[in-house]
Every structure is written in C-alpha cells, then in structure tokens.
Amino acid sequence: MGRLIDADDVKKMISDTFEKEKDVINSFWKMGTLMDKVDEIPTAYDVDSVVEQLEKEKIRSTERMGV
C-alpha cells in the first residue's frame, strides 16, 4: 500500500503554492515545487489497520491472562 495522505491537505497545498507563486511562469518549476510539497505532507494512518492490530493485541493479551 502506498503512503496515505489527506486529499484536503493536498488541495490546500496546491492552492497555496499557486497563489504564492502566481507570478512565476515556469510550469516545470511549479510542478517540481508541488512534488516537493507533497513529500512534506504528513503520512496519515489507516484506521482499519490500526483497529485490526488493536483487536489482535487484545486477543493475545486476553489469552495470556487466561481469560
């Protein structure tokens, strides 16, 4: 699975970058800048995966306690 990111964060970053750099004509520079900015967006987490891991750990803990 690829890196999870928040789509709203990407849209905001693109909008902010184009607004900030609207006087710059070089579209290749903008593309490179946006690609760099996407790398700066924090990785989100997969809630379903986290819940699954917690459920597995709960079962293991319960088994260890003999419940």
PDB file of N, CA and C in Angstrom:
ATOM      1  N   MET A   1       0.848  -1.171   0.000  1.00  0.00           N
ATOM      2  CA  MET A   1       0.000   0.000   0.000  1.00  0.00           C
ATOM      3  C   MET A   1       0.891   1.231   0.000  1.00  0.00           C
ATOM      4  N   GLY A   2       0.459   2.231  -0.744  1.00  0.00           N
ATOM      5  CA  GLY A   2       1.201   3.476  -0.786  1.00  0.00           C
ATOM      6  C   GLY A   2       0.988   4.296   0.472  1.00  0.00           C
ATOM      7  N   ARG A   3       1.630   5.411   0.492  1.00  0.00           N
ATOM      8  CA  ARG A   3       1.513   6.318   1.628  1.00  0.00           C
ATOM      9  C   ARG A   3       0.144   6.964   1.636  1.00  0.00           C
ATOM     10  N   LEU A   4      -0.496   6.994   2.775  1.00  0.00           N
ATOM     11  CA  LEU A   4      -1.807   7.631   2.897  1.00  0.00           C
ATOM     12  C   LEU A   4      -1.631   9.100   3.239  1.00  0.00           C
ATOM     13  N   ILE A   5      -2.317   9.962   2.475  1.00  0.00           N
ATOM     14  CA  ILE A   5      -2.296  11.396   2.763  1.00  0.00           C
ATOM     15  C   ILE A   5      -3.719  11.915   2.706  1.00  0.00           C
ATOM     16  N   ASP A   6      -3.941  13.048   3.303  1.00  0.00           N
ATOM     17  CA  ASP A   6      -5.253  13.660   3.328  1.00  0.00           C
ATOM     18  C   ASP A   6      -5.438  14.490   2.057  1.00  0.00           C
ATOM     19  N   ALA A   7      -6.460  14.161   1.259  1.00  0.00           N
ATOM     20  CA  ALA A   7      -6.698  14.851  -0.007  1.00  0.00           C
ATOM     21  C   ALA A   7      -6.919  16.346   0.200  1.00  0.00           C
ATOM     22  N   ASP A   8      -7.589  16.723   1.272  1.00  0.00           N
ATOM     23  CA  ASP A   8      -7.813  18.148   1.538  1.00  0.00           C
ATOM     24  C   ASP A   8      -6.499  18.881   1.772  1.00  0.00           C
ATOM     25  N   ASP A   9      -5.548  18.211   2.427  1.00  0.00           N
ATOM     26  CA  ASP A   9      -4.230  18.820   2.635  1.00  0.00           C
ATOM     27  C   ASP A   9      -3.519  19.041   1.300  1.00  0.00           C
ATOM     28  N   VAL A  10      -3.641  18.088   0.389  1.00  0.00           N
ATOM     29  CA  VAL A  10      -3.007  18.215  -0.924  1.00  0.00           C
ATOM     30  C   VAL A  10      -3.636  19.370  -1.705  1.00  0.00           C
ATOM     31  N   LYS A  11      -4.955  19.436  -1.698  1.00  0.00           N
ATOM     32  CA  LYS A  11      -5.643  20.519  -2.405  1.00  0.00           C
ATOM     33  C   LYS A  11      -5.256  21.886  -1.849  1.00  0.00           C
ATOM     34  N   LYS A  12      -5.179  21.987  -0.528  1.00  0.00           N
ATOM     35  CA  LYS A  12      -4.804  23.261   0.091  1.00  0.00           C
ATOM     36  C   LYS A  12      -3.367  23.628  -0.276  1.00  0.00           C
ATOM     37  N   MET A  13      -2.475  22.635  -0.251  1.00  0.00           N
ATOM     38  CA  MET A  13      -1.083  22.885  -0.585  1.00  0.00           C
ATOM     39  C   MET A  13      -0.952  23.365  -2.026  1.00  0.00           C
ATOM     40  N   ILE A  14      -1.690  22.735  -2.946  1.00  0.00           N
ATOM     41  CA  ILE A  14      -1.637  23.144  -4.351  1.00  0.00           C
ATOM     42  C   ILE A  14      -2.166  24.567  -4.504  1.00  0.00           C
ATOM     43  N   SER A  15      -3.297  24.850  -3.886  1.00  0.00           N
ATOM     44  CA  SER A  15      -3.880  26.189  -3.957  1.00  0.00           C
ATOM     45  C   SER A  15      -2.939  27.233  -3.379  1.00  0.00           C
ATOM     46  N   ASP A  16      -2.384  26.951  -2.212  1.00  0.00           N
ATOM     47  CA  ASP A  16      -1.462  27.896  -1.562  1.00  0.00           C
ATOM     48  C   ASP A  16      -0.223  28.135  -2.415  1.00  0.00           C
ATOM     49  N   THR A  17       0.304  27.072  -3.005  1.00  0.00           N
ATOM     50  CA  THR A  17       1.517  27.205  -3.814  1.00  0.00           C
ATOM     51  C   THR A  17       1.253  28.027  -5.062  1.00  0.00           C
ATOM     52  N   PHE A  18       0.145  27.757  -5.755  1.00  0.00           N
ATOM     53  CA  PHE A  18      -0.154  28.535  -6.953  1.00  0.00           C
ATOM     54  C   PHE A  18      -0.439  29.988  -6.613  1.00  0.00           C
ATOM     55  N   GLU A  19      -1.105  30.239  -5.499  1.00  0.00           N
ATOM     56  CA  GLU A  19      -1.377  31.621  -5.095  1.00  0.00           C
ATOM     57  C   GLU A  19      -0.068  32.348  -4.785  1.00  0.00           C
ATOM     58  N   LYS A  20       0.812  31.673  -4.083  1.00  0.00           N
ATOM     59  CA  LYS A  20       2.090  32.271  -3.688  1.00  0.00           C
ATOM     60  C   LYS A  20       2.994  32.499  -4.897  1.00  0.00           C
ATOM     61  N   GLU A  21       2.948  31.576  -5.852  1.00  0.00           N
ATOM     62  CA  GLU A  21       3.873  31.609  -6.988  1.00  0.00           C
ATOM     63  C   GLU A  21       3.189  32.031  -8.291  1.00  0.00           C
ATOM     64  N   LYS A  22       2.067  32.755  -8.221  1.00  0.00           N
ATOM     65  CA  LYS A  22       1.296  33.069  -9.424  1.00  0.00           C
ATOM     66  C   LYS A  22       2.050  33.931 -10.422  1.00  0.00           C
ATOM     67  N   ASP A  23       3.075  34.632 -10.002  1.00  0.00           N
ATOM     68  CA  ASP A  23       3.841  35.470 -10.919  1.00  0.00           C
ATOM     69  C   ASP A  23       4.940  34.693 -11.637  1.00  0.00           C
ATOM     70  N   VAL A  24       5.178  33.465 -11.218  1.00  0.00           N
ATOM     71  CA  VAL A  24       6.227  32.655 -11.835  1.00  0.00           C
ATOM     72  C   VAL A  24       5.624  31.928 -13.035  1.00  0.00           C
ATOM     73  N   ILE A  25       6.248  32.048 -14.185  1.00  0.00           N
ATOM     74  CA  ILE A  25       5.706  31.487 -15.419  1.00  0.00           C
ATOM     75  C   ILE A  25       6.109  30.019 -15.605  1.00  0.00           C
ATOM     76  N   ASN A  26       7.236  29.619 -15.138  1.00  0.00           N
ATOM     77  CA  ASN A  26       7.799  28.300 -15.422  1.00  0.00           C
ATOM     78  C   ASN A  26       6.973  27.183 -14.791  1.00  0.00           C
ATOM     79  N   SER A  27       6.175  26.504 -15.597  1.00  0.00           N
ATOM     80  CA  SER A  27       5.297  25.452 -15.069  1.00  0.00           C
ATOM     81  C   SER A  27       6.088  24.249 -14.568  1.00  0.00           C
ATOM     82  N   PHE A  28       7.254  23.970 -15.155  1.00  0.00           N
ATOM     83  CA  PHE A  28       8.066  22.854 -14.668  1.00  0.00           C
ATOM     84  C   PHE A  28       8.568  23.126 -13.260  1.00  0.00           C
ATOM     85  N   TRP A  29       8.891  24.383 -12.986  1.00  0.00           N
ATOM     86  CA  TRP A  29       9.313  24.735 -11.634  1.00  0.00           C
ATOM     87  C   TRP A  29       8.173  24.514 -10.656  1.00  0.00           C
ATOM     88  N   LYS A  30       6.958  24.931 -11.083  1.00  0.00           N
ATOM     89  CA  LYS A  30       5.790  24.735 -10.225  1.00  0.00           C
ATOM     90  C   LYS A  30       5.545  23.251  -9.972  1.00  0.00           C
ATOM     91  N   MET A  31       5.676  22.432 -11.013  1.00  0.00           N
ATOM     92  CA  MET A  31       5.468  21.001 -10.844  1.00  0.00           C
ATOM     93  C   MET A  31       6.471  20.440  -9.839  1.00  0.00           C
ATOM     94  N   GLY A  32       7.723  20.807  -9.983  1.00  0.00           N
ATOM     95  CA  GLY A  32       8.740  20.332  -9.045  1.00  0.00           C
ATOM     96  C   GLY A  32       8.474  20.792  -7.622  1.00  0.00           C
ATOM     97  N   THR A  33       8.040  22.045  -7.507  1.00  0.00           N
ATOM     98  CA  THR A  33       7.717  22.588  -6.185  1.00  0.00           C
ATOM     99  C   THR A  33       6.554  21.822  -5.558  1.00  0.00           C
ATOM    100  N   LEU A  34       5.510  21.560  -6.346  1.00  0.00           N
ATOM    101  CA  LEU A  34       4.359  20.815  -5.825  1.00  0.00           C
ATOM    102  C   LEU A  34       4.750  19.397  -5.424  1.00  0.00           C
ATOM    103  N   MET A  35       5.595  18.764  -6.217  1.00  0.00           N
ATOM    104  CA  MET A  35       6.022  17.407  -5.872  1.00  0.00           C
ATOM    105  C   MET A  35       6.802  17.416  -4.553  1.00  0.00           C
ATOM    106  N   ASP A  36       7.630  18.427  -4.367  1.00  0.00           N
ATOM    107  CA  ASP A  36       8.358  18.556  -3.104  1.00  0.00           C
ATOM    108  C   ASP A  36       7.393  18.793  -1.946  1.00  0.00           C
ATOM    109  N   LYS A  37       6.385  19.619  -2.182  1.00  0.00           N
ATOM    110  CA  LYS A  37       5.412  19.926  -1.129  1.00  0.00           C
ATOM    111  C   LYS A  37       4.620  18.678  -0.734  1.00  0.00           C
ATOM    112  N   VAL A  38       4.252  17.838  -1.707  1.00  0.00           N
ATOM    113  CA  VAL A  38       3.522  16.614  -1.400  1.00  0.00           C
ATOM    114  C   VAL A  38       4.347  15.741  -0.459  1.00  0.00           C
ATOM    115  N   ASP A  39       5.653  15.705  -0.669  1.00  0.00           N
ATOM    116  CA  ASP A  39       6.519  14.925   0.225  1.00  0.00           C
ATOM    117  C   ASP A  39       6.507  15.463   1.647  1.00  0.00           C
ATOM    118  N   GLU A  40       6.162  16.740   1.812  1.00  0.00           N
ATOM    119  CA  GLU A  40       6.127  17.352   3.139  1.00  0.00           C
ATOM    120  C   GLU A  40       4.835  17.057   3.898  1.00  0.00           C
ATOM    121  N   ILE A  41       3.801  16.584   3.197  1.00  0.00           N
ATOM    122  CA  ILE A  41       2.519  16.308   3.850  1.00  0.00           C
ATOM    123  C   ILE A  41       2.683  15.098   4.762  1.00  0.00           C
ATOM    124  N   PRO A  42       2.260  15.217   6.025  1.00  0.00           N
ATOM    125  CA  PRO A  42       2.407  14.094   6.947  1.00  0.00           C
ATOM    126  C   PRO A  42       1.628  12.865   6.474  1.00  0.00           C
ATOM    127  N   THR A  43       2.189  11.717   6.746  1.00  0.00           N
ATOM    128  CA  THR A  43       1.516  10.465   6.407  1.00  0.00           C
ATOM    129  C   THR A  43       0.337  10.262   7.342  1.00  0.00           C
ATOM    130  N   ALA A  44      -0.801   9.954   6.755  1.00  0.00           N
ATOM    131  CA  ALA A  44      -1.983   9.636   7.554  1.00  0.00           C
ATOM    132  C   ALA A  44      -1.894   8.168   7.958  1.00  0.00           C
ATOM    133  N   TYR A  45      -2.785   7.729   8.776  1.00  0.00           N
ATOM    134  CA  TYR A  45      -2.776   6.325   9.161  1.00  0.00           C
ATOM    135  C   TYR A  45      -4.074   5.671   8.717  1.00  0.00           C
ATOM    136  N   ASP A  46      -3.989   4.385   8.498  1.00  0.00           N
ATOM    137  CA  ASP A  46      -5.133   3.598   8.060  1.00  0.00           C
ATOM    138  C   ASP A  46      -5.877   3.137   9.309  1.00  0.00           C
ATOM    139  N   VAL A  47      -7.012   3.766   9.577  1.00  0.00           N
ATOM    140  CA  VAL A  47      -7.773   3.485  10.796  1.00  0.00           C
ATOM    141  C   VAL A  47      -8.134   2.011  10.889  1.00  0.00           C
ATOM    142  N   ASP A  48      -8.576   1.408   9.786  1.00  0.00           N
ATOM    143  CA  ASP A  48      -8.961  -0.001   9.811  1.00  0.00           C
ATOM    144  C   ASP A  48      -7.794  -0.892  10.202  1.00  0.00           C
ATOM    145  N   SER A  49      -6.621  -0.576   9.696  1.00  0.00           N
ATOM    146  CA  SER A  49      -5.435  -1.360  10.027  1.00  0.00           C
ATOM    147  C   SER A  49      -5.076  -1.221  11.512  1.00  0.00           C
ATOM    148  N   VAL A  50      -5.185  -0.018  12.027  1.00  0.00           N
ATOM    149  CA  VAL A  50      -4.881   0.213  13.441  1.00  0.00           C
ATOM    150  C   VAL A  50      -5.868  -0.552  14.318  1.00  0.00           C
ATOM    151  N   VAL A  51      -7.160  -0.494  13.981  1.00  0.00           N
ATOM    152  CA  VAL A  51      -8.178  -1.207  14.758  1.00  0.00           C
ATOM    153  C   VAL A  51      -7.917  -2.706  14.700  1.00  0.00           C
ATOM    154  N   GLU A  52      -7.575  -3.212  13.548  1.00  0.00           N
ATOM    155  CA  GLU A  52      -7.276  -4.645  13.401  1.00  0.00           C
ATOM    156  C   GLU A  52      -6.092  -5.046  14.290  1.00  0.00           C
ATOM    157  N   GLN A  53      -5.055  -4.242  14.295  1.00  0.00           N
ATOM    158  CA  GLN A  53      -3.895  -4.535  15.134  1.00  0.00           C
ATOM    159  C   GLN A  53      -4.269  -4.512  16.611  1.00  0.00           C
ATOM    160  N   LEU A  54      -5.086  -3.545  17.016  1.00  0.00           N
ATOM    161  CA  LEU A  54      -5.510  -3.461  18.410  1.00  0.00           C
ATOM    162  C   LEU A  54      -6.353  -4.669  18.808  1.00  0.00           C
ATOM    163  N   GLU A  55      -7.226  -5.104  17.910  1.00  0.00           N
ATOM    164  CA  GLU A  55      -8.056  -6.270  18.199  1.00  0.00           C
ATOM    165  C   GLU A  55      -7.200  -7.534  18.355  1.00  0.00           C
ATOM    166  N   LYS A  56      -6.208  -7.689  17.495  1.00  0.00           N
ATOM    167  CA  LYS A  56      -5.302  -8.842  17.604  1.00  0.00           C
ATOM    168  C   LYS A  56      -4.546  -8.802  18.926  1.00  0.00           C
ATOM    169  N   GLU A  57      -4.074  -7.619  19.305  1.00  0.00           N
ATOM    170  CA  GLU A  57      -3.337  -7.489  20.565  1.00  0.00           C
ATOM    171  C   GLU A  57      -4.249  -7.762  21.748  1.00  0.00           C
ATOM    172  N   LYS A  58      -5.489  -7.346  21.665  1.00  0.00           N
ATOM    173  CA  LYS A  58      -6.457  -7.602  22.736  1.00  0.00           C
ATOM    174  C   LYS A  58      -6.650  -9.106  22.909  1.00  0.00           C
ATOM    175  N   ILE A  59      -6.773  -9.830  21.811  1.00  0.00           N
ATOM    176  CA  ILE A  59      -6.934 -11.291  21.876  1.00  0.00           C
ATOM    177  C   ILE A  59      -5.698 -11.933  22.497  1.00  0.00           C
ATOM    178  N   ARG A  60      -4.519 -11.512  22.061  1.00  0.00           N
ATOM    179  CA  ARG A  60      -3.273 -12.068  22.632  1.00  0.00           C
ATOM    180  C   ARG A  60      -3.166 -11.777  24.124  1.00  0.00           C
ATOM    181  N   SER A  61      -3.512 -10.558  24.506  1.00  0.00           N
ATOM    182  CA  SER A  61      -3.428 -10.199  25.920  1.00  0.00           C
ATOM    183  C   SER A  61      -4.415 -11.007  26.760  1.00  0.00           C
ATOM    184  N   THR A  62      -5.615 -11.188  26.233  1.00  0.00           N
ATOM    185  CA  THR A  62      -6.638 -11.966  26.921  1.00  0.00           C
ATOM    186  C   THR A  62      -6.188 -13.417  27.081  1.00  0.00           C
ATOM    187  N   GLU A  63      -5.595 -13.983  26.011  1.00  0.00           N
ATOM    188  CA  GLU A  63      -5.108 -15.364  26.075  1.00  0.00           C
ATOM    189  C   GLU A  63      -3.987 -15.492  27.100  1.00  0.00           C
ATOM    190  N   ARG A  64      -3.114 -14.532  27.184  1.00  0.00           N
ATOM    191  CA  ARG A  64      -2.006 -14.583  28.152  1.00  0.00           C
ATOM    192  C   ARG A  64      -2.518 -14.509  29.582  1.00  0.00           C
ATOM    193  N   MET A  65      -3.612 -13.781  29.764  1.00  0.00           N
ATOM    194  CA  MET A  65      -4.179 -13.633  31.120  1.00  0.00           C
ATOM    195  C   MET A  65      -5.038 -14.831  31.474  1.00  0.00           C
ATOM    196  N   GLY A  66      -5.336 -15.678  30.509  1.00  0.00           N
ATOM    197  CA  GLY A  66      -6.137 -16.861  30.785  1.00  0.00           C
ATOM    198  C   GLY A  66      -7.604 -16.564  30.953  1.00  0.00           C
ATOM    199  N   VAL A  67      -8.063 -15.499  30.347  1.00  0.00           N
ATOM    200  CA  VAL A  67      -9.475 -15.109  30.453  1.00  0.00           C
ATOM    201  C   VAL A  67     -10.288 -15.764  29.367  1.00  0.00           C
TER     202      VAL A  67
END
